[in-house]
mmCIF file of all heavy atoms, coordinates in Angstrom:
data_MODEL
# 
_entry.id   MODEL 
# 
loop_
_atom_site.group_PDB 
_atom_site.id 
_atom_site.type_symbol 
_atom_site.label_atom_id 
_atom_site.label_alt_id 
_atom_site.label_comp_id 
_atom_site.label_asym_id 
_atom_site.label_entity_id 
_atom_site.label_seq_id 
_atom_site.pdbx_PDB_ins_code 
_atom_site.Cartn_x 
_atom_site.Cartn_y 
_atom_site.Cartn_z 
_atom_site.occupancy 
_atom_site.B_iso_or_equiv 
_atom_site.pdbx_formal_charge 
_atom_site.auth_seq_id 
_atom_site.auth_comp_id 
_atom_site.auth_asym_id 
_atom_site.auth_atom_id 
_atom_site.pdbx_PDB_model_num 
ATOM 1   N N   . THR A 1 1  ? -10.799 -0.543  13.895 1.00 0.00 ? 1  THR A N   1 
ATOM 2   C CA  . THR A 1 1  ? -11.372 0.441   14.789 1.00 0.00 ? 1  THR A CA  1 
ATOM 3   C C   . THR A 1 1  ? -11.507 -0.135  16.134 1.00 0.00 ? 1  THR A C   1 
ATOM 4   O O   . THR A 1 1  ? -11.314 0.512   17.225 1.00 0.00 ? 1  THR A O   1 
ATOM 5   C CB  . THR A 1 1  ? -12.684 0.915   14.285 1.00 0.00 ? 1  THR A CB  1 
ATOM 6   O OG1 . THR A 1 1  ? -12.516 1.560   12.947 1.00 0.00 ? 1  THR A OG1 1 
ATOM 7   C CG2 . THR A 1 1  ? -13.349 1.972   15.223 1.00 0.00 ? 1  THR A CG2 1 
ATOM 8   N N   . PHE A 1 2  ? -11.985 -1.372  16.258 1.00 0.00 ? 2  PHE A N   1 
ATOM 9   C CA  . PHE A 1 2  ? -12.343 -2.084  17.519 1.00 0.00 ? 2  PHE A CA  1 
ATOM 10  C C   . PHE A 1 2  ? -11.161 -2.749  18.201 1.00 0.00 ? 2  PHE A C   1 
ATOM 11  O O   . PHE A 1 2  ? -11.425 -3.479  19.110 1.00 0.00 ? 2  PHE A O   1 
ATOM 12  C CB  . PHE A 1 2  ? -13.473 -2.968  17.274 1.00 0.00 ? 2  PHE A CB  1 
ATOM 13  C CG  . PHE A 1 2  ? -14.730 -2.334  16.653 1.00 0.00 ? 2  PHE A CG  1 
ATOM 14  C CD1 . PHE A 1 2  ? -14.950 -2.507  15.323 1.00 0.00 ? 2  PHE A CD1 1 
ATOM 15  C CD2 . PHE A 1 2  ? -15.429 -1.382  17.315 1.00 0.00 ? 2  PHE A CD2 1 
ATOM 16  C CE1 . PHE A 1 2  ? -16.077 -1.819  14.698 1.00 0.00 ? 2  PHE A CE1 1 
ATOM 17  C CE2 . PHE A 1 2  ? -16.544 -0.690  16.779 1.00 0.00 ? 2  PHE A CE2 1 
ATOM 18  C CZ  . PHE A 1 2  ? -16.863 -0.960  15.423 1.00 0.00 ? 2  PHE A CZ  1 
ATOM 19  N N   . HIS A 1 3  ? -9.965  -2.519  17.560 1.00 0.00 ? 3  HIS A N   1 
ATOM 20  C CA  . HIS A 1 3  ? -8.808  -3.152  18.130 1.00 0.00 ? 3  HIS A CA  1 
ATOM 21  C C   . HIS A 1 3  ? -7.717  -1.995  18.126 1.00 0.00 ? 3  HIS A C   1 
ATOM 22  O O   . HIS A 1 3  ? -6.738  -2.052  17.317 1.00 0.00 ? 3  HIS A O   1 
ATOM 23  C CB  . HIS A 1 3  ? -8.328  -4.323  17.327 1.00 0.00 ? 3  HIS A CB  1 
ATOM 24  C CG  . HIS A 1 3  ? -9.329  -5.448  17.285 1.00 0.00 ? 3  HIS A CG  1 
ATOM 25  N ND1 . HIS A 1 3  ? -9.232  -6.435  18.208 1.00 0.00 ? 3  HIS A ND1 1 
ATOM 26  C CD2 . HIS A 1 3  ? -10.403 -5.596  16.530 1.00 0.00 ? 3  HIS A CD2 1 
ATOM 27  C CE1 . HIS A 1 3  ? -10.279 -7.220  17.989 1.00 0.00 ? 3  HIS A CE1 1 
ATOM 28  N NE2 . HIS A 1 3  ? -11.075 -6.789  16.951 1.00 0.00 ? 3  HIS A NE2 1 
ATOM 29  N N   . PRO A 1 4  ? -7.955  -0.964  18.955 1.00 0.00 ? 4  PRO A N   1 
ATOM 30  C CA  . PRO A 1 4  ? -7.069  0.211   18.810 1.00 0.00 ? 4  PRO A CA  1 
ATOM 31  C C   . PRO A 1 4  ? -5.704  -0.041  19.095 1.00 0.00 ? 4  PRO A C   1 
ATOM 32  O O   . PRO A 1 4  ? -5.256  -0.871  19.873 1.00 0.00 ? 4  PRO A O   1 
ATOM 33  C CB  . PRO A 1 4  ? -7.719  1.173   19.961 1.00 0.00 ? 4  PRO A CB  1 
ATOM 34  C CG  . PRO A 1 4  ? -8.514  0.314   20.832 1.00 0.00 ? 4  PRO A CG  1 
ATOM 35  C CD  . PRO A 1 4  ? -9.008  -0.852  20.016 1.00 0.00 ? 4  PRO A CD  1 
ATOM 36  N N   . ARG A 1 5  ? -4.836  0.643   18.237 1.00 0.00 ? 5  ARG A N   1 
ATOM 37  C CA  . ARG A 1 5  ? -3.413  0.455   18.329 1.00 0.00 ? 5  ARG A CA  1 
ATOM 38  C C   . ARG A 1 5  ? -2.849  0.773   19.680 1.00 0.00 ? 5  ARG A C   1 
ATOM 39  O O   . ARG A 1 5  ? -3.212  1.691   20.341 1.00 0.00 ? 5  ARG A O   1 
ATOM 40  C CB  . ARG A 1 5  ? -2.785  1.461   17.320 1.00 0.00 ? 5  ARG A CB  1 
ATOM 41  C CG  . ARG A 1 5  ? -1.278  1.286   17.157 1.00 0.00 ? 5  ARG A CG  1 
ATOM 42  C CD  . ARG A 1 5  ? -0.673  2.205   16.059 1.00 0.00 ? 5  ARG A CD  1 
ATOM 43  N NE  . ARG A 1 5  ? -1.135  3.562   16.325 1.00 0.00 ? 5  ARG A NE  1 
ATOM 44  C CZ  . ARG A 1 5  ? -0.884  4.535   15.481 1.00 0.00 ? 5  ARG A CZ  1 
ATOM 45  N NH1 . ARG A 1 5  ? -0.297  4.342   14.319 1.00 0.00 ? 5  ARG A NH1 1 
ATOM 46  N NH2 . ARG A 1 5  ? -1.223  5.767   15.745 1.00 0.00 ? 5  ARG A NH2 1 
ATOM 47  N N   . GLY A 1 6  ? -1.989  -0.158  20.133 1.00 0.00 ? 6  GLY A N   1 
ATOM 48  C CA  . GLY A 1 6  ? -1.317  0.071   21.413 1.00 0.00 ? 6  GLY A CA  1 
ATOM 49  C C   . GLY A 1 6  ? -1.931  -0.761  22.529 1.00 0.00 ? 6  GLY A C   1 
ATOM 50  O O   . GLY A 1 6  ? -1.533  -0.770  23.695 1.00 0.00 ? 6  GLY A O   1 
ATOM 51  N N   . TYR A 1 7  ? -3.162  -1.433  22.309 1.00 0.00 ? 7  TYR A N   1 
ATOM 52  C CA  . TYR A 1 7  ? -3.909  -2.153  23.173 1.00 0.00 ? 7  TYR A CA  1 
ATOM 53  C C   . TYR A 1 7  ? -4.021  -3.578  22.901 1.00 0.00 ? 7  TYR A C   1 
ATOM 54  O O   . TYR A 1 7  ? -4.155  -3.961  21.789 1.00 0.00 ? 7  TYR A O   1 
ATOM 55  C CB  . TYR A 1 7  ? -5.298  -1.562  23.438 1.00 0.00 ? 7  TYR A CB  1 
ATOM 56  C CG  . TYR A 1 7  ? -5.382  -0.188  24.118 1.00 0.00 ? 7  TYR A CG  1 
ATOM 57  C CD1 . TYR A 1 7  ? -5.619  0.963   23.354 1.00 0.00 ? 7  TYR A CD1 1 
ATOM 58  C CD2 . TYR A 1 7  ? -5.316  -0.085  25.479 1.00 0.00 ? 7  TYR A CD2 1 
ATOM 59  C CE1 . TYR A 1 7  ? -5.685  2.106   23.935 1.00 0.00 ? 7  TYR A CE1 1 
ATOM 60  C CE2 . TYR A 1 7  ? -5.344  1.167   26.068 1.00 0.00 ? 7  TYR A CE2 1 
ATOM 61  C CZ  . TYR A 1 7  ? -5.478  2.315   25.353 1.00 0.00 ? 7  TYR A CZ  1 
ATOM 62  O OH  . TYR A 1 7  ? -5.585  3.508   25.847 1.00 0.00 ? 7  TYR A OH  1 
ATOM 63  N N   . HIS A 1 8  ? -4.072  -4.375  23.922 1.00 0.00 ? 8  HIS A N   1 
ATOM 64  C CA  . HIS A 1 8  ? -4.518  -5.882  23.884 1.00 0.00 ? 8  HIS A CA  1 
ATOM 65  C C   . HIS A 1 8  ? -6.078  -5.724  24.154 1.00 0.00 ? 8  HIS A C   1 
ATOM 66  O O   . HIS A 1 8  ? -6.441  -5.324  25.217 1.00 0.00 ? 8  HIS A O   1 
ATOM 67  C CB  . HIS A 1 8  ? -3.820  -6.680  24.865 1.00 0.00 ? 8  HIS A CB  1 
ATOM 68  C CG  . HIS A 1 8  ? -2.333  -6.730  24.674 1.00 0.00 ? 8  HIS A CG  1 
ATOM 69  N ND1 . HIS A 1 8  ? -1.695  -7.760  23.921 1.00 0.00 ? 8  HIS A ND1 1 
ATOM 70  C CD2 . HIS A 1 8  ? -1.279  -5.970  25.193 1.00 0.00 ? 8  HIS A CD2 1 
ATOM 71  C CE1 . HIS A 1 8  ? -0.388  -7.459  23.942 1.00 0.00 ? 8  HIS A CE1 1 
ATOM 72  N NE2 . HIS A 1 8  ? -0.110  -6.487  24.631 1.00 0.00 ? 8  HIS A NE2 1 
ATOM 73  N N   . CYS A 1 9  ? -6.772  -6.238  23.212 1.00 0.00 ? 9  CYS A N   1 
ATOM 74  C CA  . CYS A 1 9  ? -8.262  -6.072  23.354 1.00 0.00 ? 9  CYS A CA  1 
ATOM 75  C C   . CYS A 1 9  ? -8.933  -7.481  23.570 1.00 0.00 ? 9  CYS A C   1 
ATOM 76  O O   . CYS A 1 9  ? -8.647  -8.423  22.879 1.00 0.00 ? 9  CYS A O   1 
ATOM 77  C CB  . CYS A 1 9  ? -8.860  -5.507  22.031 1.00 0.00 ? 9  CYS A CB  1 
ATOM 78  S SG  . CYS A 1 9  ? -8.052  -3.879  21.665 1.00 0.00 ? 9  CYS A SG  1 
ATOM 79  N N   . HIS A 1 10 ? -9.794  -7.450  24.549 1.00 0.00 ? 10 HIS A N   1 
ATOM 80  C CA  . HIS A 1 10 ? -10.515 -8.745  24.972 1.00 0.00 ? 10 HIS A CA  1 
ATOM 81  C C   . HIS A 1 10 ? -11.941 -8.437  25.104 1.00 0.00 ? 10 HIS A C   1 
ATOM 82  O O   . HIS A 1 10 ? -12.368 -7.558  25.845 1.00 0.00 ? 10 HIS A O   1 
ATOM 83  C CB  . HIS A 1 10 ? -9.916  -9.187  26.391 1.00 0.00 ? 10 HIS A CB  1 
ATOM 84  C CG  . HIS A 1 10 ? -8.477  -9.123  26.446 1.00 0.00 ? 10 HIS A CG  1 
ATOM 85  N ND1 . HIS A 1 10 ? -7.628  -10.108 25.977 1.00 0.00 ? 10 HIS A ND1 1 
ATOM 86  C CD2 . HIS A 1 10 ? -7.579  -8.216  26.919 1.00 0.00 ? 10 HIS A CD2 1 
ATOM 87  C CE1 . HIS A 1 10 ? -6.397  -9.858  26.195 1.00 0.00 ? 10 HIS A CE1 1 
ATOM 88  N NE2 . HIS A 1 10 ? -6.273  -8.676  26.802 1.00 0.00 ? 10 HIS A NE2 1 
ATOM 89  N N   . TYR A 1 11 ? -12.763 -9.241  24.336 1.00 0.00 ? 11 TYR A N   1 
ATOM 90  C CA  . TYR A 1 11 ? -14.138 -9.064  24.261 1.00 0.00 ? 11 TYR A CA  1 
ATOM 91  C C   . TYR A 1 11 ? -14.818 -10.331 24.890 1.00 0.00 ? 11 TYR A C   1 
ATOM 92  O O   . TYR A 1 11 ? -14.311 -11.437 24.652 1.00 0.00 ? 11 TYR A O   1 
ATOM 93  C CB  . TYR A 1 11 ? -14.625 -8.848  22.831 1.00 0.00 ? 11 TYR A CB  1 
ATOM 94  C CG  . TYR A 1 11 ? -14.239 -7.534  22.261 1.00 0.00 ? 11 TYR A CG  1 
ATOM 95  C CD1 . TYR A 1 11 ? -13.155 -7.442  21.431 1.00 0.00 ? 11 TYR A CD1 1 
ATOM 96  C CD2 . TYR A 1 11 ? -15.135 -6.389  22.502 1.00 0.00 ? 11 TYR A CD2 1 
ATOM 97  C CE1 . TYR A 1 11 ? -12.895 -6.155  20.894 1.00 0.00 ? 11 TYR A CE1 1 
ATOM 98  C CE2 . TYR A 1 11 ? -14.839 -5.206  21.909 1.00 0.00 ? 11 TYR A CE2 1 
ATOM 99  C CZ  . TYR A 1 11 ? -13.663 -5.051  21.125 1.00 0.00 ? 11 TYR A CZ  1 
ATOM 100 O OH  . TYR A 1 11 ? -13.362 -3.870  20.562 1.00 0.00 ? 11 TYR A OH  1 
ATOM 101 N N   . PHE A 1 12 ? -15.952 -10.121 25.596 1.00 0.00 ? 12 PHE A N   1 
ATOM 102 C CA  . PHE A 1 12 ? -16.753 -11.215 26.115 1.00 0.00 ? 12 PHE A CA  1 
ATOM 103 C C   . PHE A 1 12 ? -18.206 -10.937 25.614 1.00 0.00 ? 12 PHE A C   1 
ATOM 104 O O   . PHE A 1 12 ? -18.745 -9.964  26.025 1.00 0.00 ? 12 PHE A O   1 
ATOM 105 C CB  . PHE A 1 12 ? -16.588 -11.350 27.521 1.00 0.00 ? 12 PHE A CB  1 
ATOM 106 C CG  . PHE A 1 12 ? -17.535 -12.399 28.226 1.00 0.00 ? 12 PHE A CG  1 
ATOM 107 C CD1 . PHE A 1 12 ? -17.740 -13.628 27.539 1.00 0.00 ? 12 PHE A CD1 1 
ATOM 108 C CD2 . PHE A 1 12 ? -17.861 -12.277 29.546 1.00 0.00 ? 12 PHE A CD2 1 
ATOM 109 C CE1 . PHE A 1 12 ? -18.466 -14.633 28.168 1.00 0.00 ? 12 PHE A CE1 1 
ATOM 110 C CE2 . PHE A 1 12 ? -18.603 -13.303 30.117 1.00 0.00 ? 12 PHE A CE2 1 
ATOM 111 C CZ  . PHE A 1 12 ? -18.972 -14.438 29.435 1.00 0.00 ? 12 PHE A CZ  1 
ATOM 112 N N   . ASP A 1 13 ? -18.731 -11.758 24.724 1.00 0.00 ? 13 ASP A N   1 
ATOM 113 C CA  . ASP A 1 13 ? -20.078 -11.467 24.079 1.00 0.00 ? 13 ASP A CA  1 
ATOM 114 C C   . ASP A 1 13 ? -21.170 -12.268 24.693 1.00 0.00 ? 13 ASP A C   1 
ATOM 115 O O   . ASP A 1 13 ? -20.931 -13.503 25.093 1.00 0.00 ? 13 ASP A O   1 
ATOM 116 C CB  . ASP A 1 13 ? -19.939 -11.854 22.569 1.00 0.00 ? 13 ASP A CB  1 
ATOM 117 C CG  . ASP A 1 13 ? -18.845 -11.111 21.883 1.00 0.00 ? 13 ASP A CG  1 
ATOM 118 O OD1 . ASP A 1 13 ? -18.398 -9.963  22.387 1.00 0.00 ? 13 ASP A OD1 1 
ATOM 119 O OD2 . ASP A 1 13 ? -18.380 -11.652 20.881 1.00 0.00 ? 13 ASP A OD2 1 
ATOM 120 N N   . ALA A 1 14 ? -22.344 -11.688 24.824 1.00 0.00 ? 14 ALA A N   1 
ATOM 121 C CA  . ALA A 1 14 ? -23.552 -12.447 25.159 1.00 0.00 ? 14 ALA A CA  1 
ATOM 122 C C   . ALA A 1 14 ? -24.017 -13.305 24.165 1.00 0.00 ? 14 ALA A C   1 
ATOM 123 O O   . ALA A 1 14 ? -23.698 -13.229 22.976 1.00 0.00 ? 14 ALA A O   1 
ATOM 124 C CB  . ALA A 1 14 ? -24.664 -11.396 25.517 1.00 0.00 ? 14 ALA A CB  1 
ATOM 125 N N   . GLN A 1 15 ? -24.602 -14.389 24.557 1.00 0.00 ? 15 GLN A N   1 
ATOM 126 C CA  . GLN A 1 15 ? -25.190 -15.389 23.570 1.00 0.00 ? 15 GLN A CA  1 
ATOM 127 C C   . GLN A 1 15 ? -26.250 -14.734 22.697 1.00 0.00 ? 15 GLN A C   1 
ATOM 128 O O   . GLN A 1 15 ? -26.352 -15.025 21.496 1.00 0.00 ? 15 GLN A O   1 
ATOM 129 C CB  . GLN A 1 15 ? -25.719 -16.585 24.324 1.00 0.00 ? 15 GLN A CB  1 
ATOM 130 C CG  . GLN A 1 15 ? -24.653 -17.501 25.042 1.00 0.00 ? 15 GLN A CG  1 
ATOM 131 C CD  . GLN A 1 15 ? -25.240 -18.638 25.804 1.00 0.00 ? 15 GLN A CD  1 
ATOM 132 O OE1 . GLN A 1 15 ? -26.418 -18.935 25.644 1.00 0.00 ? 15 GLN A OE1 1 
ATOM 133 N NE2 . GLN A 1 15 ? -24.408 -19.334 26.507 1.00 0.00 ? 15 GLN A NE2 1 
ATOM 134 N N   . LYS A 1 16 ? -27.073 -13.809 23.371 1.00 0.00 ? 16 LYS A N   1 
ATOM 135 C CA  . LYS A 1 16 ? -28.053 -13.076 22.644 1.00 0.00 ? 16 LYS A CA  1 
ATOM 136 C C   . LYS A 1 16 ? -27.505 -12.046 21.850 1.00 0.00 ? 16 LYS A C   1 
ATOM 137 O O   . LYS A 1 16 ? -26.673 -11.187 22.274 1.00 0.00 ? 16 LYS A O   1 
ATOM 138 C CB  . LYS A 1 16 ? -29.105 -12.515 23.561 1.00 0.00 ? 16 LYS A CB  1 
ATOM 139 C CG  . LYS A 1 16 ? -30.262 -11.835 22.906 1.00 0.00 ? 16 LYS A CG  1 
ATOM 140 C CD  . LYS A 1 16 ? -31.226 -11.315 24.035 1.00 0.00 ? 16 LYS A CD  1 
ATOM 141 C CE  . LYS A 1 16 ? -32.297 -10.473 23.387 1.00 0.00 ? 16 LYS A CE  1 
ATOM 142 N NZ  . LYS A 1 16 ? -33.265 -9.965  24.587 1.00 0.00 ? 16 LYS A NZ  1 
ATOM 143 N N   . LYS A 1 17 ? -27.760 -12.037 20.533 1.00 0.00 ? 17 LYS A N   1 
ATOM 144 C CA  . LYS A 1 17 ? -27.187 -10.949 19.618 1.00 0.00 ? 17 LYS A CA  1 
ATOM 145 C C   . LYS A 1 17 ? -27.639 -9.614  19.900 1.00 0.00 ? 17 LYS A C   1 
ATOM 146 O O   . LYS A 1 17 ? -28.806 -9.470  20.288 1.00 0.00 ? 17 LYS A O   1 
ATOM 147 C CB  . LYS A 1 17 ? -27.419 -11.342 18.178 1.00 0.00 ? 17 LYS A CB  1 
ATOM 148 C CG  . LYS A 1 17 ? -26.672 -12.620 17.664 1.00 0.00 ? 17 LYS A CG  1 
ATOM 149 C CD  . LYS A 1 17 ? -26.879 -12.882 16.213 1.00 0.00 ? 17 LYS A CD  1 
ATOM 150 C CE  . LYS A 1 17 ? -26.238 -14.095 15.653 1.00 0.00 ? 17 LYS A CE  1 
ATOM 151 N NZ  . LYS A 1 17 ? -26.376 -14.439 14.333 1.00 0.00 ? 17 LYS A NZ  1 
ATOM 152 N N   . GLY A 1 18 ? -26.760 -8.642  19.915 1.00 0.00 ? 18 GLY A N   1 
ATOM 153 C CA  . GLY A 1 18 ? -27.104 -7.201  20.133 1.00 0.00 ? 18 GLY A CA  1 
ATOM 154 C C   . GLY A 1 18 ? -27.496 -6.905  21.569 1.00 0.00 ? 18 GLY A C   1 
ATOM 155 O O   . GLY A 1 18 ? -28.201 -6.042  21.871 1.00 0.00 ? 18 GLY A O   1 
ATOM 156 N N   . TYR A 1 19 ? -26.872 -7.744  22.463 1.00 0.00 ? 19 TYR A N   1 
ATOM 157 C CA  . TYR A 1 19 ? -27.305 -7.544  23.884 1.00 0.00 ? 19 TYR A CA  1 
ATOM 158 C C   . TYR A 1 19 ? -26.056 -7.652  24.781 1.00 0.00 ? 19 TYR A C   1 
ATOM 159 O O   . TYR A 1 19 ? -25.132 -8.408  24.511 1.00 0.00 ? 19 TYR A O   1 
ATOM 160 C CB  . TYR A 1 19 ? -28.211 -8.699  24.225 1.00 0.00 ? 19 TYR A CB  1 
ATOM 161 C CG  . TYR A 1 19 ? -28.719 -8.710  25.680 1.00 0.00 ? 19 TYR A CG  1 
ATOM 162 C CD1 . TYR A 1 19 ? -29.679 -7.818  26.116 1.00 0.00 ? 19 TYR A CD1 1 
ATOM 163 C CD2 . TYR A 1 19 ? -28.280 -9.635  26.610 1.00 0.00 ? 19 TYR A CD2 1 
ATOM 164 C CE1 . TYR A 1 19 ? -30.216 -7.822  27.428 1.00 0.00 ? 19 TYR A CE1 1 
ATOM 165 C CE2 . TYR A 1 19 ? -28.758 -9.603  27.872 1.00 0.00 ? 19 TYR A CE2 1 
ATOM 166 C CZ  . TYR A 1 19 ? -29.665 -8.726  28.251 1.00 0.00 ? 19 TYR A CZ  1 
ATOM 167 O OH  . TYR A 1 19 ? -30.196 -8.749  29.561 1.00 0.00 ? 19 TYR A OH  1 
ATOM 168 N N   . SER A 1 20 ? -25.992 -6.766  25.780 1.00 0.00 ? 20 SER A N   1 
ATOM 169 C CA  . SER A 1 20 ? -25.033 -6.801  26.867 1.00 0.00 ? 20 SER A CA  1 
ATOM 170 C C   . SER A 1 20 ? -23.654 -6.865  26.284 1.00 0.00 ? 20 SER A C   1 
ATOM 171 O O   . SER A 1 20 ? -23.267 -6.190  25.329 1.00 0.00 ? 20 SER A O   1 
ATOM 172 C CB  . SER A 1 20 ? -25.343 -7.976  27.713 1.00 0.00 ? 20 SER A CB  1 
ATOM 173 O OG  . SER A 1 20 ? -24.582 -7.925  28.938 1.00 0.00 ? 20 SER A OG  1 
ATOM 174 N N   . GLY A 1 21 ? -22.714 -7.574  26.890 1.00 0.00 ? 21 GLY A N   1 
ATOM 175 C CA  . GLY A 1 21 ? -21.368 -7.755  26.483 1.00 0.00 ? 21 GLY A CA  1 
ATOM 176 C C   . GLY A 1 21 ? -20.411 -6.786  27.112 1.00 0.00 ? 21 GLY A C   1 
ATOM 177 O O   . GLY A 1 21 ? -20.758 -5.588  27.327 1.00 0.00 ? 21 GLY A O   1 
ATOM 178 N N   . VAL A 1 22 ? -19.146 -7.250  27.465 1.00 0.00 ? 22 VAL A N   1 
ATOM 179 C CA  . VAL A 1 22 ? -18.174 -6.367  28.144 1.00 0.00 ? 22 VAL A CA  1 
ATOM 180 C C   . VAL A 1 22 ? -16.803 -6.601  27.398 1.00 0.00 ? 22 VAL A C   1 
ATOM 181 O O   . VAL A 1 22 ? -16.634 -7.531  26.638 1.00 0.00 ? 22 VAL A O   1 
ATOM 182 C CB  . VAL A 1 22 ? -17.977 -6.811  29.602 1.00 0.00 ? 22 VAL A CB  1 
ATOM 183 C CG1 . VAL A 1 22 ? -19.187 -6.314  30.434 1.00 0.00 ? 22 VAL A CG1 1 
ATOM 184 C CG2 . VAL A 1 22 ? -17.703 -8.320  29.838 1.00 0.00 ? 22 VAL A CG2 1 
ATOM 185 N N   . ALA A 1 23 ? -15.963 -5.632  27.698 1.00 0.00 ? 23 ALA A N   1 
ATOM 186 C CA  . ALA A 1 23 ? -14.603 -5.712  26.983 1.00 0.00 ? 23 ALA A CA  1 
ATOM 187 C C   . ALA A 1 23 ? -13.567 -4.991  27.799 1.00 0.00 ? 23 ALA A C   1 
ATOM 188 O O   . ALA A 1 23 ? -13.911 -4.208  28.727 1.00 0.00 ? 23 ALA A O   1 
ATOM 189 C CB  . ALA A 1 23 ? -14.687 -4.970  25.573 1.00 0.00 ? 23 ALA A CB  1 
ATOM 190 N N   . LEU A 1 24 ? -12.258 -5.392  27.666 1.00 0.00 ? 24 LEU A N   1 
ATOM 191 C CA  . LEU A 1 24 ? -11.186 -4.812  28.331 1.00 0.00 ? 24 LEU A CA  1 
ATOM 192 C C   . LEU A 1 24 ? -10.117 -4.539  27.272 1.00 0.00 ? 24 LEU A C   1 
ATOM 193 O O   . LEU A 1 24 ? -9.832  -5.319  26.381 1.00 0.00 ? 24 LEU A O   1 
ATOM 194 C CB  . LEU A 1 24 ? -10.561 -5.708  29.234 1.00 0.00 ? 24 LEU A CB  1 
ATOM 195 C CG  . LEU A 1 24 ? -11.134 -5.816  30.722 1.00 0.00 ? 24 LEU A CG  1 
ATOM 196 C CD1 . LEU A 1 24 ? -10.582 -7.059  31.419 1.00 0.00 ? 24 LEU A CD1 1 
ATOM 197 C CD2 . LEU A 1 24 ? -10.974 -4.550  31.547 1.00 0.00 ? 24 LEU A CD2 1 
ATOM 198 N N   . TYR A 1 25 ? -9.592  -3.297  27.237 1.00 0.00 ? 25 TYR A N   1 
ATOM 199 C CA  . TYR A 1 25 ? -8.427  -2.936  26.556 1.00 0.00 ? 25 TYR A CA  1 
ATOM 200 C C   . TYR A 1 25 ? -7.256  -2.628  27.540 1.00 0.00 ? 25 TYR A C   1 
ATOM 201 O O   . TYR A 1 25 ? -7.431  -1.869  28.414 1.00 0.00 ? 25 TYR A O   1 
ATOM 202 C CB  . TYR A 1 25 ? -8.594  -1.685  25.641 1.00 0.00 ? 25 TYR A CB  1 
ATOM 203 C CG  . TYR A 1 25 ? -9.765  -1.724  24.708 1.00 0.00 ? 25 TYR A CG  1 
ATOM 204 C CD1 . TYR A 1 25 ? -10.240 -0.554  24.160 1.00 0.00 ? 25 TYR A CD1 1 
ATOM 205 C CD2 . TYR A 1 25 ? -10.321 -2.951  24.311 1.00 0.00 ? 25 TYR A CD2 1 
ATOM 206 C CE1 . TYR A 1 25 ? -11.279 -0.558  23.305 1.00 0.00 ? 25 TYR A CE1 1 
ATOM 207 C CE2 . TYR A 1 25 ? -11.393 -2.915  23.341 1.00 0.00 ? 25 TYR A CE2 1 
ATOM 208 C CZ  . TYR A 1 25 ? -11.871 -1.741  22.798 1.00 0.00 ? 25 TYR A CZ  1 
ATOM 209 O OH  . TYR A 1 25 ? -12.916 -1.770  21.890 1.00 0.00 ? 25 TYR A OH  1 
ATOM 210 N N   . THR A 1 26 ? -6.105  -3.320  27.356 1.00 0.00 ? 26 THR A N   1 
ATOM 211 C CA  . THR A 1 26 ? -5.045  -3.153  28.199 1.00 0.00 ? 26 THR A CA  1 
ATOM 212 C C   . THR A 1 26 ? -3.745  -2.839  27.506 1.00 0.00 ? 26 THR A C   1 
ATOM 213 O O   . THR A 1 26 ? -3.472  -3.465  26.447 1.00 0.00 ? 26 THR A O   1 
ATOM 214 C CB  . THR A 1 26 ? -4.811  -4.367  29.202 1.00 0.00 ? 26 THR A CB  1 
ATOM 215 O OG1 . THR A 1 26 ? -4.424  -5.464  28.308 1.00 0.00 ? 26 THR A OG1 1 
ATOM 216 C CG2 . THR A 1 26 ? -6.138  -4.622  29.902 1.00 0.00 ? 26 THR A CG2 1 
ATOM 217 N N   . ARG A 1 27 ? -2.889  -1.918  27.986 1.00 0.00 ? 27 ARG A N   1 
ATOM 218 C CA  . ARG A 1 27 ? -1.670  -1.643  27.393 1.00 0.00 ? 27 ARG A CA  1 
ATOM 219 C C   . ARG A 1 27 ? -0.677  -2.849  27.375 1.00 0.00 ? 27 ARG A C   1 
ATOM 220 O O   . ARG A 1 27 ? 0.035   -3.095  26.472 1.00 0.00 ? 27 ARG A O   1 
ATOM 221 C CB  . ARG A 1 27 ? -1.043  -0.403  28.063 1.00 0.00 ? 27 ARG A CB  1 
ATOM 222 C CG  . ARG A 1 27 ? -1.718  0.874   27.825 1.00 0.00 ? 27 ARG A CG  1 
ATOM 223 C CD  . ARG A 1 27 ? -1.446  1.404   26.453 1.00 0.00 ? 27 ARG A CD  1 
ATOM 224 N NE  . ARG A 1 27 ? -2.032  2.703   26.249 1.00 0.00 ? 27 ARG A NE  1 
ATOM 225 C CZ  . ARG A 1 27 ? -2.162  3.371   25.101 1.00 0.00 ? 27 ARG A CZ  1 
ATOM 226 N NH1 . ARG A 1 27 ? -1.807  2.774   24.031 1.00 0.00 ? 27 ARG A NH1 1 
ATOM 227 N NH2 . ARG A 1 27 ? -2.705  4.565   25.051 1.00 0.00 ? 27 ARG A NH2 1 
ATOM 228 N N   . GLN A 1 28 ? -0.714  -3.546  28.564 1.00 0.00 ? 28 GLN A N   1 
ATOM 229 C CA  . GLN A 1 28 ? 0.125   -4.645  28.724 1.00 0.00 ? 28 GLN A CA  1 
ATOM 230 C C   . GLN A 1 28 ? -0.752  -5.926  28.684 1.00 0.00 ? 28 GLN A C   1 
ATOM 231 O O   . GLN A 1 28 ? -1.918  -5.971  29.139 1.00 0.00 ? 28 GLN A O   1 
ATOM 232 C CB  . GLN A 1 28 ? 0.807   -4.669  30.070 1.00 0.00 ? 28 GLN A CB  1 
ATOM 233 C CG  . GLN A 1 28 ? 1.696   -5.795  30.456 1.00 0.00 ? 28 GLN A CG  1 
ATOM 234 C CD  . GLN A 1 28 ? 2.388   -5.583  31.747 1.00 0.00 ? 28 GLN A CD  1 
ATOM 235 O OE1 . GLN A 1 28 ? 2.941   -4.542  31.966 1.00 0.00 ? 28 GLN A OE1 1 
ATOM 236 N NE2 . GLN A 1 28 ? 2.222   -6.583  32.640 1.00 0.00 ? 28 GLN A NE2 1 
ATOM 237 N N   . ALA A 1 29 ? -0.208  -6.925  28.037 1.00 0.00 ? 29 ALA A N   1 
ATOM 238 C CA  . ALA A 1 29 ? -0.894  -8.255  28.066 1.00 0.00 ? 29 ALA A CA  1 
ATOM 239 C C   . ALA A 1 29 ? -1.084  -8.699  29.474 1.00 0.00 ? 29 ALA A C   1 
ATOM 240 O O   . ALA A 1 29 ? -0.151  -8.801  30.251 1.00 0.00 ? 29 ALA A O   1 
ATOM 241 C CB  . ALA A 1 29 ? -0.113  -9.284  27.241 1.00 0.00 ? 29 ALA A CB  1 
ATOM 242 N N   . PRO A 1 30 ? -2.238  -9.161  29.916 1.00 0.00 ? 30 PRO A N   1 
ATOM 243 C CA  . PRO A 1 30 ? -2.453  -9.605  31.230 1.00 0.00 ? 30 PRO A CA  1 
ATOM 244 C C   . PRO A 1 30 ? -1.838  -11.011 31.474 1.00 0.00 ? 30 PRO A C   1 
ATOM 245 O O   . PRO A 1 30 ? -1.660  -11.768 30.504 1.00 0.00 ? 30 PRO A O   1 
ATOM 246 C CB  . PRO A 1 30 ? -4.043  -9.724  31.398 1.00 0.00 ? 30 PRO A CB  1 
ATOM 247 C CG  . PRO A 1 30 ? -4.502  -9.832  29.964 1.00 0.00 ? 30 PRO A CG  1 
ATOM 248 C CD  . PRO A 1 30 ? -3.578  -9.130  29.166 1.00 0.00 ? 30 PRO A CD  1 
# 
């Protein structure tokens, strides 16, 4: 679910669990 078909998925997680965090899904690999 968290790696949708057709996208390159990139996650950046906060050290604190359950907090903040950003992500990028891109059709083309950067």
